[in-house]
């Protein structure tokens, strides 16, 4: 079982002067769901190498059992520090593809042609595709087999407008995830702010926020089990 995890390479939070990147829990929790299931995990990013970590996700209050495990795991840290270039590995065959969030993907992965092509092919082939928190925003420019928005008519979720407002970044991000999904005809459904909430639409699995990371990964993994 081979699973591709795609991380952002973008480290600048708009014009705020602050740093961003991927959210640690949204990488660590799914990573260990997959590794504990004996999956081979390939980690990629547009630029390759060490992806930028959102410093807020490394704060004391943002730590979880998975993030603490990651910090004690030399092998995982080495794997993260040497991500593959997405363009070099996107065309390979995977049993599932998973996108952790953080604000970074809104700037690079949402516009990245390799990422867009990977998502379109993964979904069209019926391969389990998971995206959590801000990562569903990278579906913004993806198309379905009919040439329309990939999420049109599909149940999806992602970081809500109220959650974005709560972290004070509504005016900083290039677009709001909830709005982008709705604008593309997605049937956006949400749970309570900060509570785990995951929805599926066939092989597409989306999670609302960091707390949804492990659950989304487990649902994705369940799609790989014999029926």
Protein backbone atom coordinates (compact mmCIF):
# COMPACT_ATOMS: atom_id res chain seq x y z
CA UNK A 1 0.00 0.00 0.00
CA UNK A 2 1.54 3.25 -1.18
CA UNK A 3 0.13 6.63 -0.13
CA UNK A 4 1.23 10.04 -1.36
CA UNK A 5 1.07 13.00 1.04
CA UNK A 6 1.31 16.42 -0.61
CA UNK A 7 2.51 19.43 1.39
CA UNK A 8 2.84 23.12 0.60
CA UNK A 9 6.11 24.91 -0.17
CA UNK A 10 4.66 28.38 0.51
CA UNK A 11 5.87 30.13 3.65
CA UNK A 12 4.57 33.72 3.50
CA UNK A 13 1.22 34.72 4.98
CA UNK A 14 0.18 37.21 2.32
CA UNK A 15 1.35 40.75 3.08
CA UNK A 16 1.14 40.27 6.84
CA UNK A 17 4.88 39.81 7.29
CA UNK A 18 4.17 36.57 9.15
CA UNK A 19 5.14 33.03 8.21
CA UNK A 20 2.86 30.18 7.24
CA UNK A 21 3.18 26.70 5.76
CA UNK A 22 1.63 23.34 6.60
CA UNK A 23 -0.11 22.61 9.91
CA UNK A 24 1.83 20.08 11.96
CA UNK A 25 -1.12 18.11 13.37
CA UNK A 26 -2.65 17.79 9.90
CA UNK A 27 0.52 16.09 8.72
CA UNK A 28 1.47 14.11 11.81
CA UNK A 29 -1.91 12.57 12.64
CA UNK A 30 -2.59 11.16 9.14
CA UNK A 31 1.06 10.17 8.72
CA UNK A 32 0.86 7.85 11.71
CA UNK A 33 -2.57 6.51 10.72
CA UNK A 34 -0.94 5.44 7.45
CA UNK A 35 2.36 4.23 8.91
CA UNK A 36 0.62 2.22 11.63
CA UNK A 37 -1.27 0.46 8.83
CA UNK A 38 2.10 -0.49 7.28
CA UNK A 39 1.66 1.86 4.34
CA UNK A 40 4.59 3.17 2.36
CA UNK A 41 4.26 6.95 2.65
CA UNK A 42 5.74 9.20 -0.05
CA UNK A 43 5.91 12.88 0.89
CA UNK A 44 6.03 15.52 -1.84
CA UNK A 45 5.86 19.29 -2.19
CA UNK A 46 6.13 21.66 -5.16
CA UNK A 47 9.71 22.70 -4.34
CA UNK A 48 10.86 19.47 -2.70
CA UNK A 49 13.05 19.39 0.39
CA UNK A 50 11.97 20.72 3.76
CA UNK A 51 8.46 22.18 3.57
CA UNK A 52 7.71 25.24 5.71
CA UNK A 53 5.96 24.62 9.01
CA UNK A 54 3.37 27.12 10.17
CA UNK A 55 4.95 28.33 13.44
CA UNK A 56 1.56 28.60 15.12
CA UNK A 57 1.08 24.86 14.67
CA UNK A 58 4.25 24.30 16.66
CA UNK A 59 3.03 26.32 19.64
CA UNK A 60 2.47 24.53 22.94
CA UNK A 61 -1.31 24.80 22.75
CA UNK A 62 -1.43 23.16 19.32
CA UNK A 63 0.34 19.96 20.32
CA UNK A 64 -1.33 16.56 20.20
CA UNK A 65 -0.25 12.99 20.80
CA UNK A 66 0.63 12.69 17.11
CA UNK A 67 2.75 15.85 17.03
CA UNK A 68 4.62 14.78 20.16
CA UNK A 69 5.24 11.38 18.59
CA UNK A 70 6.58 13.08 15.47
CA UNK A 71 9.02 15.15 17.50
CA UNK A 72 10.51 11.96 18.91
CA UNK A 73 10.63 10.20 15.54
CA UNK A 74 13.95 10.75 13.77
CA UNK A 75 12.91 8.73 10.72
CA UNK A 76 9.76 10.81 10.22
CA UNK A 77 11.68 14.05 10.61
CA UNK A 78 14.22 12.95 8.02
CA UNK A 79 11.43 11.98 5.62
CA UNK A 80 9.79 15.36 6.06
CA UNK A 81 13.07 17.21 5.54
CA UNK A 82 13.62 15.54 2.17
CA UNK A 83 10.24 15.64 0.44
CA UNK A 84 10.18 14.71 -3.23
CA UNK A 85 9.41 17.31 -5.88
CA UNK A 86 5.76 16.92 -6.75
CA UNK A 87 6.47 17.18 -10.48
CA UNK A 88 8.82 14.19 -10.22
CA UNK A 89 6.43 11.82 -8.44
CA UNK A 90 2.89 12.95 -9.30
CA UNK A 91 2.59 10.59 -12.26
CA UNK A 92 3.39 7.46 -10.24
CA UNK A 93 0.70 5.06 -9.11
CA UNK A 94 -0.60 5.42 -5.54
CA UNK A 95 -3.27 3.62 -3.60
CA UNK A 96 -4.38 6.90 -2.02
CA UNK A 97 -3.46 10.58 -2.00
CA UNK A 98 -3.76 12.89 1.02
CA UNK A 99 -3.35 16.66 1.35
CA UNK A 100 -2.71 18.15 4.81
CA UNK A 101 -3.68 21.78 5.23
CA UNK A 102 -2.27 24.90 6.76
CA UNK A 103 -2.70 28.23 5.01
CA UNK A 104 0.23 27.68 2.63
CA UNK A 105 -1.69 25.51 0.11
CA UNK A 106 -4.04 28.40 -0.66
CA UNK A 107 -1.17 30.19 -2.36
CA UNK A 108 0.79 27.43 -4.12
CA UNK A 109 -1.05 24.11 -4.38
CA UNK A 110 -4.32 25.78 -5.38
CA UNK A 111 -2.58 27.11 -8.50
CA UNK A 112 0.00 24.36 -9.10
CA UNK A 113 -0.51 22.56 -12.42
CA UNK A 114 1.06 19.31 -11.18
CA UNK A 115 -1.22 19.28 -8.15
CA UNK A 116 -4.31 20.08 -10.21
CA UNK A 117 -3.51 17.27 -12.68
CA UNK A 118 -2.80 14.83 -9.83
CA UNK A 119 -6.12 15.58 -8.14
CA UNK A 120 -8.11 15.33 -11.36
CA UNK A 121 -6.57 11.98 -12.29
CA UNK A 122 -6.80 10.57 -8.76
CA UNK A 123 -10.49 11.42 -8.50
CA UNK A 124 -11.30 10.24 -12.03
CA UNK A 125 -9.55 6.91 -11.42
CA UNK A 126 -11.54 6.29 -8.25
CA UNK A 127 -8.43 6.36 -6.07
CA UNK A 128 -9.15 7.56 -2.50
CA UNK A 129 -8.36 11.28 -2.25
CA UNK A 130 -8.29 13.07 1.10
CA UNK A 131 -7.92 16.76 1.90
CA UNK A 132 -8.22 18.40 5.30
CA UNK A 133 -8.78 21.91 6.71
CA UNK A 134 -7.44 24.45 4.16
CA UNK A 135 -6.37 21.73 1.73
CA UNK A 136 -9.87 21.40 0.21
CA UNK A 137 -9.15 24.86 -1.15
CA UNK A 138 -6.74 23.29 -3.63
CA UNK A 139 -9.79 21.83 -5.37
CA UNK A 140 -10.62 25.37 -6.49
CA UNK A 141 -9.39 25.05 -10.08
CA UNK A 142 -9.78 21.29 -10.55
CA UNK A 143 -12.20 19.93 -13.14
CA UNK A 144 -14.28 16.79 -13.47
CA UNK A 145 -14.54 14.57 -16.54
CA UNK A 146 -17.21 16.87 -18.00
CA UNK A 147 -14.99 19.95 -17.72
CA UNK A 148 -16.95 21.48 -14.86
CA UNK A 149 -15.70 22.13 -11.32
CA UNK A 150 -14.66 18.85 -9.72
CA UNK A 151 -16.64 19.53 -6.54
CA UNK A 152 -19.87 20.47 -8.38
CA UNK A 153 -22.72 18.56 -6.78
CA UNK A 154 -20.44 16.77 -4.29
CA UNK A 155 -20.67 16.82 -0.49
CA UNK A 156 -17.53 18.58 0.73
CA UNK A 157 -16.22 20.38 3.76
CA UNK A 158 -13.18 22.43 4.69
CA UNK A 159 -12.07 25.27 6.94
CA UNK A 160 -15.19 27.34 7.58
CA UNK A 161 -15.55 31.09 7.19
CA UNK A 162 -16.25 31.40 10.91
CA UNK A 163 -13.07 29.49 11.76
CA UNK A 164 -11.07 31.75 9.44
CA UNK A 165 -12.62 34.76 11.11
CA UNK A 166 -11.73 33.36 14.52
CA UNK A 167 -8.04 33.17 13.61
CA UNK A 168 -8.15 36.69 12.20
CA UNK A 169 -7.06 35.90 8.66
CA UNK A 170 -10.20 36.52 6.61
CA UNK A 171 -8.68 39.58 4.97
CA UNK A 172 -5.22 38.00 4.55
CA UNK A 173 -5.90 34.75 2.70
CA UNK A 174 -6.25 34.87 -1.11
CA UNK A 175 -9.68 33.23 -0.86
CA UNK A 176 -11.91 31.57 1.70
CA UNK A 177 -12.14 27.79 1.49
CA UNK A 178 -15.85 27.62 2.28
CA UNK A 179 -16.67 30.27 -0.32
CA UNK A 180 -14.50 28.62 -3.00
CA UNK A 181 -16.20 25.25 -2.52
CA UNK A 182 -19.65 26.82 -2.65
CA UNK A 183 -18.78 28.99 -5.66
CA UNK A 184 -17.78 25.83 -7.54
CA UNK A 185 -21.12 24.20 -6.84
CA UNK A 186 -19.98 22.02 -3.98
CA UNK A 187 -22.55 20.96 -1.39
CA UNK A 188 -20.61 22.44 1.52
CA UNK A 189 -21.53 20.95 4.88
CA UNK A 190 -19.94 21.84 8.18
CA UNK A 191 -19.84 20.82 11.79
CA UNK A 192 -19.17 22.93 14.84
CA UNK A 193 -16.10 25.14 14.74
CA UNK A 194 -12.95 23.21 15.76
CA UNK A 195 -14.80 19.89 16.14
CA UNK A 196 -13.92 16.87 14.00
CA UNK A 197 -16.11 16.76 10.91
CA UNK A 198 -15.46 14.61 7.83
CA UNK A 199 -17.64 14.01 4.77
CA UNK A 200 -17.24 11.68 1.81
CA UNK A 201 -18.39 11.85 -1.79
CA UNK A 202 -17.39 8.56 -3.35
CA UNK A 203 -13.60 8.43 -3.24
CA UNK A 204 -13.33 12.10 -2.16
CA UNK A 205 -12.81 12.57 1.59
CA UNK A 206 -12.68 16.07 3.10
CA UNK A 207 -12.16 17.20 6.69
CA UNK A 208 -13.10 20.58 8.14
CA UNK A 209 -10.24 21.51 10.46
CA UNK A 210 -7.14 20.22 12.29
CA UNK A 211 -9.25 18.07 14.63
CA UNK A 212 -10.57 16.24 11.57
CA UNK A 213 -7.14 15.07 10.40
CA UNK A 214 -6.94 11.62 11.96
CA UNK A 215 -10.59 10.82 11.22
CA UNK A 216 -10.19 11.80 7.57
CA UNK A 217 -7.10 9.61 7.26
CA UNK A 218 -8.89 6.65 8.86
CA UNK A 219 -11.85 6.99 6.49
CA UNK A 220 -9.46 7.23 3.56
CA UNK A 221 -7.68 4.10 4.75
CA UNK A 222 -10.98 2.26 5.18
CA UNK A 223 -11.68 2.81 1.46
CA UNK A 224 -8.59 0.71 0.72
CA UNK A 225 -9.84 -2.30 2.69
CA UNK A 226 -11.51 -5.20 0.87
CA UNK A 227 -15.27 -4.80 0.82
